[in-house]
C-alpha atoms as a PDB file:
ATOM      1  CA  MET A   1      -0.193  16.500   4.874  1.00  0.00           C
ATOM      2  CA  ARG A   2      -0.030  14.775   1.617  1.00  0.00           C
ATOM      3  CA  ASN A   3      -1.729  15.316  -1.202  1.00  0.00           C
ATOM      4  CA  ASP A   4      -3.412  11.944  -0.540  1.00  0.00           C
ATOM      5  CA  GLU A   5      -4.540  12.934   2.881  1.00  0.00           C
ATOM      6  CA  SER A   6      -8.135  14.912   3.104  1.00  0.00           C
ATOM      7  CA  GLY A   7      -8.051  17.428   5.541  1.00  0.00           C
ATOM      8  CA  ALA A   8     -11.648  17.293   5.715  1.00  0.00           C
ATOM      9  CA  GLY A   9     -12.412  14.266   8.043  1.00  0.00           C
ATOM     10  CA  ASP A  10     -11.372  10.558   8.025  1.00  0.00           C
ATOM     11  CA  SER A  11     -14.620   9.737   6.010  1.00  0.00           C
ATOM     12  CA  SER A  12     -14.046  12.040   3.061  1.00  0.00           C
ATOM     13  CA  PRO A  13     -12.541  10.910  -0.254  1.00  0.00           C
ATOM     14  CA  ALA A  14      -8.741  11.640  -0.765  1.00  0.00           C
ATOM     15  CA  LEU A  15      -8.212  15.447  -2.460  1.00  0.00           C
ATOM     16  CA  ILE A  16      -6.026  15.981  -5.389  1.00  0.00           C
ATOM     17  CA  ILE A  17      -4.525  18.661  -6.762  1.00  0.00           C
ATOM     18  CA  TYR A  18      -3.180  19.660  -9.865  1.00  0.00           C
ATOM     19  CA  GLN A  19      -1.186  22.226 -11.565  1.00  0.00           C
ATOM     20  CA  ASN A  20      -1.321  23.630 -14.678  1.00  0.00           C
ATOM     21  CA  GLY A  21       0.870  26.735 -15.161  1.00  0.00           C
ATOM     22  CA  ASP A  22      -0.257  29.419 -12.725  1.00  0.00           C
ATOM     23  CA  ALA A  23      -3.980  27.734 -12.108  1.00  0.00           C
ATOM     24  CA  TYR A  24      -4.858  25.090  -9.679  1.00  0.00           C
ATOM     25  CA  SER A  25      -7.291  22.362  -9.362  1.00  0.00           C
ATOM     26  CA  ALA A  26      -8.959  19.916  -7.083  1.00  0.00           C
ATOM     27  CA  ALA A  27     -11.235  16.775  -7.198  1.00  0.00           C
ATOM     28  CA  THR A  28     -11.720  13.640  -5.054  1.00  0.00           C
ATOM     29  CA  GLN A  29     -13.250  10.689  -7.308  1.00  0.00           C
ATOM     30  CA  ALA A  30     -16.335  11.766  -5.760  1.00  0.00           C
ATOM     31  CA  GLY A  31     -16.650  15.330  -7.645  1.00  0.00           C
ATOM     32  CA  VAL A  32     -14.665  18.231  -8.765  1.00  0.00           C
ATOM     33  CA  ALA A  33     -13.607  20.717  -5.871  1.00  0.00           C
ATOM     34  CA  PHE A  34     -12.428  23.703  -8.253  1.00  0.00           C
ATOM     35  CA  TYR A  35     -10.994  24.055 -11.850  1.00  0.00           C
ATOM     36  CA  ASN A  36      -8.739  26.582 -13.017  1.00  0.00           C
ATOM     37  CA  PHE A  37      -7.960  28.726  -9.615  1.00  0.00           C
ATOM     38  CA  ASN A  38      -5.450  31.146  -9.169  1.00  0.00           C
ATOM     39  CA  LEU A  39      -3.470  30.376  -6.418  1.00  0.00           C
ATOM     40  CA  PRO A  40      -4.980  32.543  -3.990  1.00  0.00           C
ATOM     41  CA  ALA A  41      -8.589  31.246  -4.747  1.00  0.00           C
ATOM     42  CA  ALA A  42      -7.747  28.142  -4.494  1.00  0.00           C
ATOM     43  CA  GLN A  43      -6.090  28.377  -0.654  1.00  0.00           C
ATOM     44  CA  VAL A  44      -9.074  30.422   0.104  1.00  0.00           C
ATOM     45  CA  TRP A  45     -11.065  27.651  -0.910  1.00  0.00           C
ATOM     46  CA  LEU A  46      -8.685  24.929   0.579  1.00  0.00           C
ATOM     47  CA  ILE A  47      -8.754  26.816   4.082  1.00  0.00           C
ATOM     48  CA  GLU A  48     -12.760  27.429   3.998  1.00  0.00           C
ATOM     49  CA  ASN A  49     -13.472  23.814   3.582  1.00  0.00           C
ATOM     50  CA  GLY A  50     -10.493  22.417   6.276  1.00  0.00           C
ATOM     51  CA  PHE A  51      -7.844  21.714   4.037  1.00  0.00           C
ATOM     52  CA  ASP A  52      -4.233  22.151   4.698  1.00  0.00           C
ATOM     53  CA  VAL A  53      -3.335  24.703   1.956  1.00  0.00           C
ATOM     54  CA  GLY A  54       0.285  22.536   1.969  1.00  0.00           C
ATOM     55  CA  LEU A  55      -1.662  20.408  -0.600  1.00  0.00           C
ATOM     56  CA  LEU A  56      -1.070  23.213  -3.145  1.00  0.00           C
ATOM     57  CA  ASP A  57       3.079  22.149  -2.580  1.00  0.00           C
ATOM     58  CA  SER A  58       2.735  18.555  -3.840  1.00  0.00           C
ATOM     59  CA  PRO A  59       0.185  18.735  -7.121  1.00  0.00           C
ATOM     60  CA  VAL A  60      -0.329  15.309  -8.676  1.00  0.00           C
ATOM     61  CA  ASP A  61       1.317  14.617 -12.243  1.00  0.00           C
ATOM     62  CA  GLY A  62      -1.270  14.656 -15.165  1.00  0.00           C
ATOM     63  CA  LEU A  63      -2.334  10.828 -15.696  1.00  0.00           C
ATOM     64  CA  THR A  64      -3.315  10.854 -12.018  1.00  0.00           C
ATOM     65  CA  TRP A  65      -5.276  13.925 -12.403  1.00  0.00           C
ATOM     66  CA  ARG A  66      -7.221  12.564 -15.502  1.00  0.00           C
ATOM     67  CA  SER A  67      -7.628   9.653 -13.713  1.00  0.00           C
ATOM     68  CA  THR A  68      -9.570  11.045 -10.726  1.00  0.00           C
ATOM     69  CA  LEU A  69     -11.209  13.817 -12.687  1.00  0.00           C
ATOM     70  CA  THR A  70     -12.680  10.942 -14.970  1.00  0.00           C
ATOM     71  CA  ALA A  71     -13.919   9.492 -11.842  1.00  0.00           C
ATOM     72  CA  ALA A  72     -14.992  12.909 -10.373  1.00  0.00           C
ATOM     73  CA  PHE A  73     -17.132  13.352 -13.982  1.00  0.00           C
ATOM     74  CA  ALA A  74     -18.493   9.806 -13.572  1.00  0.00           C
ATOM     75  CA  SER A  75     -19.700  10.567 -10.213  1.00  0.00           C
ATOM     76  CA  GLU A  76     -21.251  13.934 -10.965  1.00  0.00           C
ATOM     77  CA  ILE A  77     -23.486  12.778 -14.243  1.00  0.00           C
ATOM     78  CA  GLU A  78     -24.379  10.424 -12.001  1.00  0.00           C
ATOM     79  CA  GLY A  79     -25.923  12.387  -9.693  1.00  0.00           C
ATOM     80  CA  ILE A  80     -27.248  14.879 -12.116  1.00  0.00           C
ATOM     81  CA  ASN A  81     -29.081  11.830 -13.518  1.00  0.00           C
ATOM     82  CA  GLU A  82     -30.663  10.715 -10.498  1.00  0.00           C
ATOM     83  CA  THR A  83     -31.858  14.527  -9.995  1.00  0.00           C
ATOM     84  CA  LEU A  84     -33.265  14.309 -13.255  1.00  0.00           C
ATOM     85  CA  ALA A  85     -35.136  10.941 -13.082  1.00  0.00           C
ATOM     86  CA  ASP A  86     -36.542  12.876  -9.603  1.00  0.00           C
ATOM     87  CA  LEU A  87     -37.990  16.140 -11.999  1.00  0.00           C
ATOM     88  CA  ALA A  88     -41.067  16.296 -14.229  1.00  0.00           C
ATOM     89  CA  PRO A  89     -40.784  16.314 -17.712  1.00  0.00           C
ATOM     90  CA  SER A  90     -40.193  19.682 -19.200  1.00  0.00           C
ATOM     91  CA  SER A  91     -37.977  21.402 -22.011  1.00  0.00           C
ATOM     92  CA  ASP A  92     -35.335  22.802 -18.961  1.00  0.00           C
ATOM     93  CA  VAL A  93     -35.142  19.379 -17.543  1.00  0.00           C
ATOM     94  CA  GLU A  94     -34.465  18.175 -21.405  1.00  0.00           C
ATOM     95  CA  ALA A  95     -32.406  20.750 -21.825  1.00  0.00           C
ATOM     96  CA  VAL A  96     -30.287  19.432 -18.620  1.00  0.00           C
ATOM     97  CA  ARG A  97     -30.291  15.836 -19.877  1.00  0.00           C
ATOM     98  CA  SER A  98     -28.689  16.886 -23.028  1.00  0.00           C
ATOM     99  CA  LYS A  99     -26.021  18.692 -21.151  1.00  0.00           C
ATOM    100  CA  ALA A 100     -25.369  15.955 -19.273  1.00  0.00           C
ATOM    101  CA  GLU A 101     -25.332  13.706 -22.517  1.00  0.00           C
ATOM    102  CA  THR A 102     -22.724  15.927 -23.892  1.00  0.00           C
ATOM    103  CA  ILE A 103     -20.547  15.606 -20.238  1.00  0.00           C
ATOM    104  CA  ALA A 104     -20.784  12.011 -20.668  1.00  0.00           C
ATOM    105  CA  ALA A 105     -19.456  12.057 -24.076  1.00  0.00           C
ATOM    106  CA  ASN A 106     -16.717  14.621 -23.364  1.00  0.00           C
ATOM    107  CA  LEU A 107     -15.787  11.604 -20.467  1.00  0.00           C
ATOM    108  CA  ALA A 108     -15.915   8.899 -22.251  1.00  0.00           C
ATOM    109  CA  ASP A 109     -12.816  10.835 -24.742  1.00  0.00           C
ATOM    110  CA  LEU A 110     -11.054  11.940 -21.507  1.00  0.00           C
ATOM    111  CA  SER A 111     -11.130   7.868 -20.382  1.00  0.00           C
ATOM    112  CA  ALA A 112      -9.934   7.065 -23.833  1.00  0.00           C
ATOM    113  CA  SER A 113      -7.156   9.714 -23.122  1.00  0.00           C
ATOM    114  CA  VAL A 114      -6.612   8.032 -20.158  1.00  0.00           C
ATOM    115  CA  ALA A 115      -6.517   4.413 -21.007  1.00  0.00           C
ATOM    116  CA  ALA A 116      -4.027   5.688 -24.452  1.00  0.00           C
ATOM    117  CA  GLU A 117      -1.440   7.425 -22.150  1.00  0.00           C
ATOM    118  CA  GLN A 118      -1.281   3.934 -19.360  1.00  0.00           C
ATOM    119  CA  ASN A 119      -0.982   1.926 -22.696  1.00  0.00           C
ATOM    120  CA  ARG A 120       1.811   4.345 -24.101  1.00  0.00           C
ATOM    121  CA  ARG A 121       3.558   4.698 -20.780  1.00  0.00           C
ATOM    122  CA  LYS A 122       3.399   1.070 -20.238  1.00  0.00           C
ATOM    123  CA  GLU A 123       4.877   0.179 -23.777  1.00  0.00           C
ATOM    124  CA  ILE A 124       7.409   2.948 -22.213  1.00  0.00           C
ATOM    125  CA  ALA A 125       8.625   0.860 -19.793  1.00  0.00           C
ATOM    126  CA  GLU A 126       8.258  -2.607 -21.607  1.00  0.00           C
ATOM    127  CA  LEU A 127      10.953  -1.013 -24.345  1.00  0.00           C
ATOM    128  CA  GLN A 128      13.202   0.201 -21.678  1.00  0.00           C
ATOM    129  CA  ARG A 129      13.538  -3.279 -20.081  1.00  0.00           C
ATOM    130  CA  ALA A 130      13.717  -4.957 -23.504  1.00  0.00           C
ATOM    131  CA  LEU A 131      16.799  -2.284 -24.211  1.00  0.00           C
ATOM    132  CA  ARG A 132      18.784  -2.953 -20.730  1.00  0.00           C
ATOM    133  CA  LEU A 133      18.383  -6.721 -21.484  1.00  0.00           C
ATOM    134  CA  MET A 134      20.287  -6.303 -24.902  1.00  0.00           C
ATOM    135  CA  PHE A 135      23.028  -5.064 -23.551  1.00  0.00           C
ATOM    136  CA  PRO A 136      25.128  -7.828 -22.461  1.00  0.00           C
ATOM    137  CA  THR A 137      23.914  -9.994 -25.287  1.00  0.00           C
ATOM    138  CA  ILE A 138      24.932  -7.493 -28.121  1.00  0.00           C
ATOM    139  CA  LYS A 139      28.239  -6.689 -26.621  1.00  0.00           C
ATOM    140  CA  ALA A 140      28.989 -10.526 -26.483  1.00  0.00           C
ATOM    141  CA  ALA A 141      27.777 -10.574 -30.114  1.00  0.00           C
ATOM    142  CA  LEU A 142      30.694  -7.897 -31.308  1.00  0.00           C
ATOM    143  CA  PRO A 143      33.909  -8.948 -32.536  1.00  0.00           C
ATOM    144  CA  GLY A 144      36.902  -8.177 -29.997  1.00  0.00           C
ATOM    145  CA  LYS A 145      36.150  -6.056 -27.176  1.00  0.00           C
ATOM    146  CA  PRO A 146      33.592  -3.049 -27.703  1.00  0.00           C
ATOM    147  CA  SER A 147      33.274  -0.171 -25.418  1.00  0.00           C
ATOM    148  CA  ASP A 148      29.970   0.898 -24.051  1.00  0.00           C
ATOM    149  CA  GLU A 149      29.697   2.995 -26.086  1.00  0.00           C
ATOM    150  CA  GLU A 150      29.666   1.138 -29.424  1.00  0.00           C
ATOM    151  CA  VAL A 151      27.327  -1.443 -28.280  1.00  0.00           C
ATOM    152  CA  GLN A 152      25.222   1.576 -26.961  1.00  0.00           C
ATOM    153  CA  GLN A 153      25.438   2.804 -31.053  1.00  0.00           C
ATOM    154  CA  ASN A 154      24.424  -1.137 -32.256  1.00  0.00           C
ATOM    155  CA  ILE A 155      21.425  -0.943 -29.629  1.00  0.00           C
ATOM    156  CA  ASN A 156      20.319   2.618 -30.628  1.00  0.00           C
ATOM    157  CA  ALA A 157      19.919   1.401 -34.026  1.00  0.00           C
ATOM    158  CA  THR A 158      17.333  -1.433 -33.061  1.00  0.00           C
ATOM    159  CA  TYR A 159      13.702  -1.247 -33.698  1.00  0.00           C
ATOM    160  CA  HIS A 160      13.033  -1.159 -29.709  1.00  0.00           C
ATOM    161  CA  ALA A 161      15.354   2.166 -29.436  1.00  0.00           C
ATOM    162  CA  ARG A 162      13.720   3.682 -32.689  1.00  0.00           C
ATOM    163  CA  ARG A 163      10.092   3.137 -31.430  1.00  0.00           C
ATOM    164  CA  LEU A 164      11.130   4.362 -27.943  1.00  0.00           C
ATOM    165  CA  ARG A 165      12.027   7.762 -29.892  1.00  0.00           C
ATOM    166  CA  GLU A 166       9.367   7.463 -31.742  1.00  0.00           C
ATOM    167  CA  ILE A 167       7.001   7.621 -28.296  1.00  0.00           C
ATOM    168  CA  GLN A 168       8.713   9.396 -25.997  1.00  0.00           C
END
C-alpha cells in the first residue's frame, strides 16, 4: 500500500506517515491520527485502525507532512470551535476557547513556514534552471575553446550561483 492510499475504506481521506528519527506521526487532511509514536506503537495503531503497516516504509517528505498537518490542525480547530459554540458559557469553555486560539496562532506560524519553504524550493528551481541555461552562453562568450570546467568556474561566480549557495 502506498502512503497516499487509505486502508480504512474508500471514503476515508488518505493517511500519510511522517518519520522524524525514530518517531512516527500520521495524519489526514481531516485530522491527526497519531503524533511522535515509536515504531511498535505506530504499528499497533495502524493495525487496530485497519491500515497496512507497510505505510511506515514510505514516509512523506517534511513539506508534504507540514502541509497535511496544517490542514489537519485547521480541521480539528474548526471541530473544536463548533463544539464550543454548542456549550453553555463557563470558565471551562473559555479555557478551551483560549487553547483553541493558541493552537490557531501556532497553525498560522506553521502555515507561514510551509509557504516559506515552498517559496524557497521554487527559487532554488528557478536559479538551477537559469544556471543550466547560462552554460552555452558563457561557453560561447569565453575566448578560445574553454573546457567545461572553465565555463563552470565562470558560472559559479555569477549572482545566480551565489544566491543558490546561500539558500540551499
